[in-house]
Amino acid sequence: MPYENSAPNQDSARNQSSAPYETSVPFRAGSEGYASFRIPACVRAPDGAVLAFAEGRVDSSADSGDIDIVAKRSEDGGLTWGRLQVVAEHGDGTAGNPAPVVLAEGRLLLVFVRNAAAATEDRIRRGLVTQADGRRVWVRHSDDGGATWSEPREITEAVKRPEWRWYATTPGHAIQLDAGPGAGRVVVPANHSIPPSEPGDNGTEGRYNGGHDLLSDDGGATWRLGYLDDDPDGRVNVNETTAAQLPDGRVYFNTRNDTEPPAPAAHRADAVSEDGGETLTAPFEPKPELTAPVVQGSVLQLRDPDVLLFSAPADPELRRRMTVRASDDGGVTWRTAHTVDERPAAYSDLVRVDRTTLGLLYETGETSAYSTVTFRRVPVEELT
């Protein structure tokens, strides 16, 4: 892919307070049959269109219940958006955590999870939900840029260990490796929880979080587990994880770290793989200099220029001040490259729109981070 990874929507407008940055709103809470939209993911289709995915939450903003995965398509680089399309559902239950990736041959894969409506994260982590009602892993594909989709296919048995309780893919875009070990491999970062091992614990404690990735070497036909990072010592509690391939072929992983007192409050951690996601060279290490609250983040490796980007709120405790950070040394050191504004902000995903433009799809609003999923165009030259 050269940039790595419908009628217009009238709800698109420039952000007058921060011109020349162009923004649009593909998803707004309380519209199009959904009380809330959350968990953005974004990719560039083979024809150059931008595809924005989100969870459409029918009844409320809660993380469980009747939730669909929805998508919209933009033919003009994120300035306007076409109609809403439901791309995954589960009756009155949950279809969520979209992890899309566009393969080199043009196929669009979507990996996601499903669970029963009453299967909340708390109940799953406590072991109160059956495997059948708990988190199950699915994949479907599109060969026409997301216009139509294959039937969903379950891959749970291949990528989820029987003892795991909670399970979540990314959220955000997945990647396909284009060089180095495993070239052509699809890598989907994911996380899970394990049963409690200490007396008095019930499994909801952050230290039982674990990280792993899903690997496919045949374009999504078959799947297996890659690295595992389970260590309930409370130092790094791997949670929502995102990945990028560095120019030297290594895979860089950056994760939300749900540390618990009295552990140091390093809310981000990272790790690298030298074998295409099969293993980590070392366990995840805290990244205290990458300031952020406890929240999901996104990474994207640009090529031409070679710069690794990370998006997340930059306030150390509150979900606000959406910021893009940049690294010129593969994630060792970081600098602030673009600050959106001081408003509430939460989850995000990054996409290369074209040679001169970066796209940032993120949750934000005037008084709540969950009022809209907004798309912002940022000049690439600003990030280098």
Protein backbone atom coordinates (compact mmCIF):
# COMPACT_ATOMS: atom_id res chain seq x y z
CA MET A 1 0.00 0.00 0.00
CA PRO A 2 1.54 3.36 -0.96
CA TYR A 3 0.51 5.15 2.23
CA GLU A 4 0.16 2.23 4.67
CA ASN A 5 -1.94 1.57 6.09
CA SER A 6 -22.37 7.64 -1.19
CA ALA A 7 -24.07 10.95 -0.61
CA PRO A 8 -22.10 13.53 1.38
CA ASN A 9 -22.76 13.88 5.10
CA GLN A 10 -24.00 17.40 5.82
CA ASP A 11 -22.55 17.18 9.35
CA SER A 12 -19.08 18.02 8.01
CA ALA A 13 -17.47 21.37 8.71
CA ARG A 14 -14.15 23.04 9.24
CA ASN A 15 -12.97 23.59 12.78
CA GLN A 16 -13.02 27.36 12.72
CA SER A 17 -10.97 27.66 15.93
CA SER A 18 -8.03 25.70 14.53
CA ALA A 19 -7.87 26.43 10.78
CA PRO A 20 -6.25 25.35 8.51
CA TYR A 21 -6.97 21.91 9.98
CA GLU A 22 -10.04 20.40 8.34
CA THR A 23 -12.37 18.34 10.49
CA SER A 24 -15.57 16.38 9.96
CA VAL A 25 -17.90 14.32 12.15
CA PRO A 26 -18.69 10.87 10.73
CA PHE A 27 -20.42 9.73 13.95
CA ARG A 28 -22.42 11.82 16.42
CA ALA A 29 -24.08 10.46 19.59
CA GLY A 30 -27.86 10.29 19.41
CA SER A 31 -28.08 10.06 15.63
CA GLU A 32 -28.77 7.40 12.98
CA GLY A 33 -30.40 5.03 15.46
CA TYR A 34 -27.59 4.93 18.02
CA ALA A 35 -27.35 6.52 21.45
CA SER A 36 -23.57 6.56 21.28
CA PHE A 37 -20.63 5.86 18.99
CA ARG A 38 -17.31 4.75 20.39
CA ILE A 39 -14.08 2.80 19.65
CA PRO A 40 -12.86 4.30 16.35
CA ALA A 41 -10.76 2.48 13.76
CA CYS A 42 -9.67 3.74 10.37
CA VAL A 43 -8.00 2.44 7.19
CA ARG A 44 -7.36 3.62 3.64
CA ALA A 45 -9.05 1.45 1.02
CA PRO A 46 -7.21 0.32 -2.14
CA ASP A 47 -9.09 2.92 -4.19
CA GLY A 48 -7.95 5.73 -1.87
CA ALA A 49 -11.20 6.09 0.07
CA VAL A 50 -11.00 6.45 3.84
CA LEU A 51 -13.06 3.97 5.86
CA ALA A 52 -14.07 4.92 9.41
CA PHE A 53 -15.33 2.20 11.77
CA ALA A 54 -16.90 2.53 15.22
CA GLU A 55 -19.10 0.74 17.70
CA GLY A 56 -22.70 1.91 17.32
CA ARG A 57 -24.23 1.53 20.79
CA VAL A 58 -27.99 1.31 20.48
CA ASP A 59 -29.36 2.05 23.94
CA SER A 60 -26.62 3.89 25.84
CA SER A 61 -22.91 4.58 25.95
CA ALA A 62 -22.30 1.45 28.06
CA ASP A 63 -19.63 -1.04 26.97
CA SER A 64 -22.11 -3.94 26.83
CA GLY A 65 -25.62 -4.51 25.50
CA ASP A 66 -26.91 -4.03 21.97
CA ILE A 67 -23.83 -2.87 20.03
CA ASP A 68 -23.09 -3.06 16.28
CA ILE A 69 -19.93 -2.31 14.34
CA VAL A 70 -20.71 0.42 11.83
CA ALA A 71 -18.69 2.08 9.08
CA LYS A 72 -18.73 5.07 6.80
CA ARG A 73 -16.78 5.78 3.65
CA SER A 74 -15.19 9.06 2.52
CA GLU A 75 -14.26 9.64 -1.10
CA ASP A 76 -12.57 13.00 -0.43
CA GLY A 77 -10.01 12.23 2.25
CA GLY A 78 -12.30 12.60 5.25
CA LEU A 79 -13.98 15.89 4.38
CA THR A 80 -17.43 14.33 3.88
CA TRP A 81 -18.87 10.90 4.64
CA GLY A 82 -21.35 8.56 2.97
CA ARG A 83 -24.18 6.58 4.51
CA LEU A 84 -23.82 4.49 7.64
CA GLN A 85 -23.35 0.77 7.06
CA VAL A 86 -23.69 -1.97 9.70
CA VAL A 87 -20.74 -4.32 9.10
CA ALA A 88 -21.07 -6.63 12.13
CA GLU A 89 -23.85 -7.34 14.62
CA HIS A 90 -24.91 -9.93 17.17
CA GLY A 91 -28.67 -9.65 17.62
CA ASP A 92 -29.30 -7.76 20.86
CA GLY A 93 -25.77 -8.63 21.99
CA THR A 94 -22.40 -7.01 21.32
CA ALA A 95 -20.23 -6.93 18.22
CA GLY A 96 -17.25 -4.71 18.97
CA ASN A 97 -13.55 -3.87 18.99
CA PRO A 98 -13.17 -3.50 15.21
CA ALA A 99 -9.66 -4.28 13.95
CA PRO A 100 -9.61 -3.60 10.18
CA VAL A 101 -6.60 -4.09 7.91
CA VAL A 102 -6.18 -3.68 4.14
CA LEU A 103 -4.02 -6.41 2.60
CA ALA A 104 -1.49 -5.84 -0.16
CA GLU A 105 -3.69 -7.64 -2.70
CA GLY A 106 -6.61 -5.32 -1.87
CA ARG A 107 -8.74 -7.49 0.44
CA LEU A 108 -10.10 -5.74 3.55
CA LEU A 109 -10.15 -7.90 6.69
CA LEU A 110 -12.19 -7.06 9.79
CA VAL A 111 -11.39 -8.94 13.00
CA PHE A 112 -13.80 -8.35 15.89
CA VAL A 113 -15.39 -9.89 18.98
CA ARG A 114 -18.93 -10.84 19.99
CA ASN A 115 -20.57 -11.55 23.34
CA ALA A 116 -24.06 -11.86 24.83
CA ALA A 117 -25.86 -8.65 25.81
CA ALA A 118 -25.68 -9.39 29.56
CA ALA A 119 -22.00 -10.41 29.45
CA THR A 120 -20.40 -7.30 30.95
CA GLU A 121 -16.64 -7.08 31.35
CA ASP A 122 -17.01 -7.25 35.13
CA ARG A 123 -19.04 -10.48 35.00
CA ILE A 124 -16.71 -12.04 32.42
CA ARG A 125 -13.61 -11.22 34.45
CA ARG A 126 -15.23 -12.71 37.57
CA GLY A 127 -15.84 -15.98 35.71
CA LEU A 128 -19.63 -15.61 35.87
CA VAL A 129 -20.23 -15.98 32.12
CA THR A 130 -20.09 -19.17 30.08
CA GLN A 131 -17.61 -19.48 27.24
CA ALA A 132 -20.54 -19.54 24.80
CA ASP A 133 -21.86 -16.17 26.04
CA GLY A 134 -18.43 -14.63 26.64
CA ARG A 135 -16.03 -13.03 24.21
CA ARG A 136 -15.80 -14.89 20.90
CA VAL A 137 -13.52 -13.89 18.02
CA TRP A 138 -14.74 -13.48 14.44
CA VAL A 139 -13.44 -12.34 11.04
CA ARG A 140 -15.03 -11.29 7.77
CA HIS A 141 -13.63 -9.77 4.59
CA SER A 142 -14.53 -7.45 1.74
CA ASP A 143 -13.08 -7.51 -1.77
CA ASP A 144 -14.79 -4.30 -2.91
CA GLY A 145 -13.51 -1.75 -0.40
CA GLY A 146 -16.18 -2.40 2.21
CA ALA A 147 -19.24 -2.19 -0.04
CA THR A 148 -20.13 -5.84 0.61
CA TRP A 149 -18.85 -8.38 3.12
CA SER A 150 -18.39 -12.12 3.42
CA GLU A 151 -20.30 -14.09 6.03
CA PRO A 152 -18.72 -13.81 9.51
CA ARG A 153 -16.44 -16.74 10.40
CA GLU A 154 -15.55 -17.66 13.97
CA ILE A 155 -11.86 -18.19 14.85
CA THR A 156 -12.13 -18.37 18.66
CA GLU A 157 -10.70 -21.87 19.03
CA ALA A 158 -7.52 -20.87 17.20
CA VAL A 159 -6.77 -17.64 19.07
CA LYS A 160 -8.30 -17.80 22.55
CA ARG A 161 -7.06 -20.11 25.29
CA PRO A 162 -9.82 -21.90 27.24
CA GLU A 163 -8.79 -20.42 30.60
CA TRP A 164 -8.89 -16.82 29.39
CA ARG A 165 -11.85 -14.74 30.51
CA TRP A 166 -11.96 -11.22 29.06
CA TYR A 167 -10.77 -10.83 25.47
CA ALA A 168 -10.46 -7.82 23.17
CA THR A 169 -8.90 -7.13 19.79
CA THR A 170 -6.79 -3.93 19.52
CA PRO A 171 -9.00 -1.62 19.22
CA GLY A 172 -7.88 0.32 16.13
CA HIS A 173 -6.40 -0.80 12.82
CA ALA A 174 -4.35 -3.98 12.53
CA ILE A 175 -1.29 -4.33 10.26
CA GLN A 176 0.18 -6.49 7.52
CA LEU A 177 3.97 -6.85 7.52
CA ASP A 178 5.66 -5.82 4.29
CA ALA A 179 9.27 -6.80 5.10
CA GLY A 180 11.44 -8.83 7.44
CA PRO A 181 10.45 -12.08 9.19
CA GLY A 182 6.90 -12.98 8.36
CA ALA A 183 6.55 -10.60 5.41
CA GLY A 184 2.91 -10.69 4.31
CA ARG A 185 1.74 -11.73 7.79
CA VAL A 186 -1.32 -10.11 9.35
CA VAL A 187 -0.73 -9.02 12.96
CA VAL A 188 -3.68 -8.15 15.20
CA PRO A 189 -2.75 -6.96 18.72
CA ALA A 190 -5.13 -8.15 21.42
CA ASN A 191 -5.54 -8.54 25.17
CA HIS A 192 -7.15 -10.93 27.62
CA SER A 193 -7.53 -11.61 31.33
CA ILE A 194 -6.55 -14.69 33.30
CA PRO A 195 -8.20 -16.23 36.39
CA PRO A 196 -7.09 -14.83 39.77
CA SER A 197 -4.23 -16.53 41.59
CA GLU A 198 -4.18 -14.64 44.90
CA PRO A 199 -6.60 -15.29 47.81
CA GLY A 200 -9.34 -12.68 47.94
CA ASP A 201 -8.99 -11.64 44.30
CA ASN A 202 -11.94 -12.05 41.93
CA GLY A 203 -10.29 -11.52 38.52
CA THR A 204 -11.30 -7.88 38.03
CA GLU A 205 -7.94 -6.66 39.32
CA GLY A 206 -5.75 -5.03 36.68
CA ARG A 207 -2.80 -7.32 37.37
CA TYR A 208 -4.65 -10.19 35.67
CA ASN A 209 -4.57 -8.40 32.32
CA GLY A 210 -2.45 -10.04 29.64
CA GLY A 211 -1.40 -9.28 26.10
CA HIS A 212 -1.06 -11.36 22.94
CA ASP A 213 -1.44 -11.06 19.18
CA LEU A 214 -3.28 -12.95 16.44
CA LEU A 215 -1.26 -13.99 13.39
CA SER A 216 -2.28 -15.09 9.91
CA ASP A 217 0.19 -16.06 7.19
CA ASP A 218 -2.41 -16.76 4.52
CA GLY A 219 -4.42 -13.56 4.24
CA GLY A 220 -6.83 -14.36 7.06
CA ALA A 221 -7.74 -17.91 6.03
CA THR A 222 -6.18 -19.44 9.16
CA TRP A 223 -5.12 -17.91 12.46
CA ARG A 224 -2.91 -18.67 15.46
CA LEU A 225 -1.53 -17.02 18.57
CA GLY A 226 1.79 -15.21 18.53
CA TYR A 227 3.46 -13.67 21.57
CA LEU A 228 1.99 -13.93 25.08
CA ASP A 229 2.68 -11.50 27.91
CA ASP A 230 1.14 -12.75 31.18
CA ASP A 231 2.78 -11.58 34.39
CA PRO A 232 0.41 -10.67 37.26
CA ASP A 233 3.07 -8.76 39.23
CA GLY A 234 1.22 -5.45 38.93
CA ARG A 235 4.13 -3.67 37.23
CA VAL A 236 2.80 -3.67 33.67
CA ASN A 237 -0.82 -4.69 33.19
CA VAL A 238 -1.07 -5.05 29.42
CA ASN A 239 -4.43 -3.93 28.11
CA GLU A 240 -5.52 -2.35 24.80
CA THR A 241 -2.59 -2.62 22.39
CA THR A 242 -1.69 -1.21 19.00
CA ALA A 243 1.12 -2.09 16.58
CA ALA A 244 3.26 -0.71 13.74
CA GLN A 245 6.08 -2.14 11.65
CA LEU A 246 9.29 -0.13 11.93
CA PRO A 247 11.47 0.55 8.86
CA ASP A 248 13.99 -2.10 10.00
CA GLY A 249 11.27 -4.80 9.96
CA ARG A 250 10.69 -5.06 13.70
CA VAL A 251 7.14 -4.84 15.04
CA TYR A 252 6.56 -2.14 17.64
CA PHE A 253 3.75 -2.63 20.20
CA ASN A 254 2.40 0.13 22.43
CA THR A 255 -0.13 -0.68 25.16
CA ARG A 256 -2.39 0.87 27.72
CA ASN A 257 -0.95 0.02 31.13
CA ASP A 258 -3.60 -0.33 33.84
CA THR A 259 -1.20 0.05 36.76
CA GLU A 260 -2.60 -0.19 40.27
CA PRO A 261 -1.37 1.65 43.37
CA PRO A 262 1.28 1.59 44.72
CA ALA A 263 2.92 0.87 41.35
CA PRO A 264 4.36 3.92 39.51
CA ALA A 265 1.74 5.62 37.37
CA ALA A 266 3.21 4.86 33.92
CA HIS A 267 0.07 4.61 31.84
CA ARG A 268 1.87 3.49 28.67
CA ALA A 269 4.24 0.60 28.01
CA ASP A 270 5.90 -0.77 24.88
CA ALA A 271 7.72 -3.78 23.46
CA VAL A 272 9.18 -4.95 20.15
CA SER A 273 9.25 -8.20 18.21
CA GLU A 274 12.10 -9.21 15.91
CA ASP A 275 10.31 -12.25 14.47
CA GLY A 276 7.13 -10.77 13.07
CA GLY A 277 5.04 -10.91 16.24
CA GLU A 278 5.83 -14.52 17.16
CA THR A 279 7.61 -13.46 20.36
CA LEU A 280 8.70 -10.29 22.15
CA THR A 281 12.38 -9.54 22.56
CA ALA A 282 11.55 -8.59 26.16
CA PRO A 283 8.32 -8.15 28.17
CA PHE A 284 6.47 -4.84 27.96
CA GLU A 285 8.30 -2.06 29.79
CA PRO A 286 6.70 1.08 31.28
CA LYS A 287 7.06 4.24 29.17
CA PRO A 288 6.61 7.05 31.74
CA GLU A 289 7.83 9.76 29.35
CA LEU A 290 4.88 9.04 27.03
CA THR A 291 2.41 11.00 29.15
CA ALA A 292 -1.22 9.92 28.90
CA PRO A 293 -4.12 8.94 31.13
CA VAL A 294 -5.33 5.33 31.29
CA VAL A 295 -6.75 5.13 27.77
CA GLN A 296 -6.35 3.41 24.42
CA GLY A 297 -3.85 4.89 21.95
CA SER A 298 -2.86 4.38 18.31
CA VAL A 299 0.49 4.03 16.54
CA LEU A 300 1.26 4.40 12.84
CA GLN A 301 4.61 4.15 11.06
CA LEU A 302 4.84 6.63 8.20
CA ARG A 303 7.12 5.89 5.27
CA ASP A 304 8.46 8.80 3.27
CA PRO A 305 9.13 10.33 5.70
CA ASP A 306 10.08 7.60 8.18
CA VAL A 307 8.47 8.65 11.46
CA LEU A 308 6.54 6.67 14.07
CA LEU A 309 3.40 8.40 15.36
CA PHE A 310 1.37 7.91 18.53
CA SER A 311 -2.03 9.46 19.27
CA ALA A 312 -3.72 9.73 22.67
CA PRO A 313 -4.80 12.38 25.17
CA ALA A 314 -1.71 14.02 26.71
CA ASP A 315 -3.07 14.94 30.13
CA PRO A 316 -1.47 12.57 32.68
CA GLU A 317 -4.76 11.76 34.42
CA LEU A 318 -7.76 13.11 32.49
CA ARG A 319 -9.03 12.11 29.07
CA ARG A 320 -8.44 15.42 27.33
CA ARG A 321 -5.94 17.26 25.10
CA MET A 322 -5.74 14.89 22.11
CA THR A 323 -2.15 14.96 20.88
CA VAL A 324 -0.04 13.30 18.21
CA ARG A 325 3.49 12.45 19.33
CA ALA A 326 6.32 11.54 16.92
CA SER A 327 9.43 9.37 17.24
CA ASP A 328 12.39 9.32 14.88
CA ASP A 329 14.10 6.37 16.62
CA GLY A 330 11.51 3.61 16.67
CA GLY A 331 9.72 4.63 19.84
CA VAL A 332 12.77 5.14 22.06
CA THR A 333 12.17 8.89 22.42
CA TRP A 334 9.10 10.98 21.64
CA ARG A 335 8.26 14.61 20.88
CA THR A 336 4.96 16.45 20.62
CA ALA A 337 4.11 16.93 16.94
CA HIS A 338 0.50 18.12 16.95
CA THR A 339 -1.91 19.10 19.72
CA VAL A 340 -5.56 19.25 18.67
CA ASP A 341 -7.07 21.26 21.56
CA GLU A 342 -7.80 21.09 25.29
CA ARG A 343 -11.24 19.51 24.97
CA PRO A 344 -12.19 16.10 26.38
CA ALA A 345 -10.86 13.29 24.19
CA ALA A 346 -10.42 9.53 24.51
CA TYR A 347 -9.86 6.72 21.97
CA SER A 348 -8.29 7.37 18.56
CA ASP A 349 -6.85 5.82 15.41
CA LEU A 350 -4.35 7.09 12.82
CA VAL A 351 -4.40 6.63 9.04
CA ARG A 352 -2.29 7.92 6.13
CA VAL A 353 -4.80 9.69 3.88
CA ASP A 354 -2.42 10.60 1.06
CA ARG A 355 1.17 11.69 0.54
CA THR A 356 0.66 15.03 2.29
CA THR A 357 -2.08 14.27 4.82
CA LEU A 358 -2.47 12.30 8.05
CA GLY A 359 -5.92 11.40 9.34
CA LEU A 360 -6.84 11.26 13.03
CA LEU A 361 -10.17 9.61 13.93
CA TYR A 362 -10.90 10.28 17.60
CA GLU A 363 -13.53 10.57 20.31
CA THR A 364 -14.14 14.14 21.46
CA GLY A 365 -16.70 16.77 22.42
CA GLU A 366 -17.14 20.08 24.17
CA THR A 367 -18.13 18.64 27.55
CA SER A 368 -17.76 14.87 27.01
CA ALA A 369 -15.19 12.85 25.11
CA TYR A 370 -18.00 10.61 23.88
CA SER A 371 -20.19 13.17 22.08
CA THR A 372 -18.68 12.55 18.63
CA VAL A 373 -16.20 10.52 16.69
CA THR A 374 -14.41 13.24 14.74
CA PHE A 375 -11.98 13.05 11.81
CA ARG A 376 -9.13 15.57 11.59
CA ARG A 377 -6.75 16.11 8.68
CA VAL A 378 -3.19 17.06 9.66
CA PRO A 379 -0.41 18.01 7.19
CA VAL A 380 2.34 15.39 7.21
CA GLU A 381 5.00 18.11 7.01
CA GLU A 382 3.92 19.28 10.46
CA LEU A 383 4.86 15.93 11.96
CA THR A 384 8.44 15.69 10.71
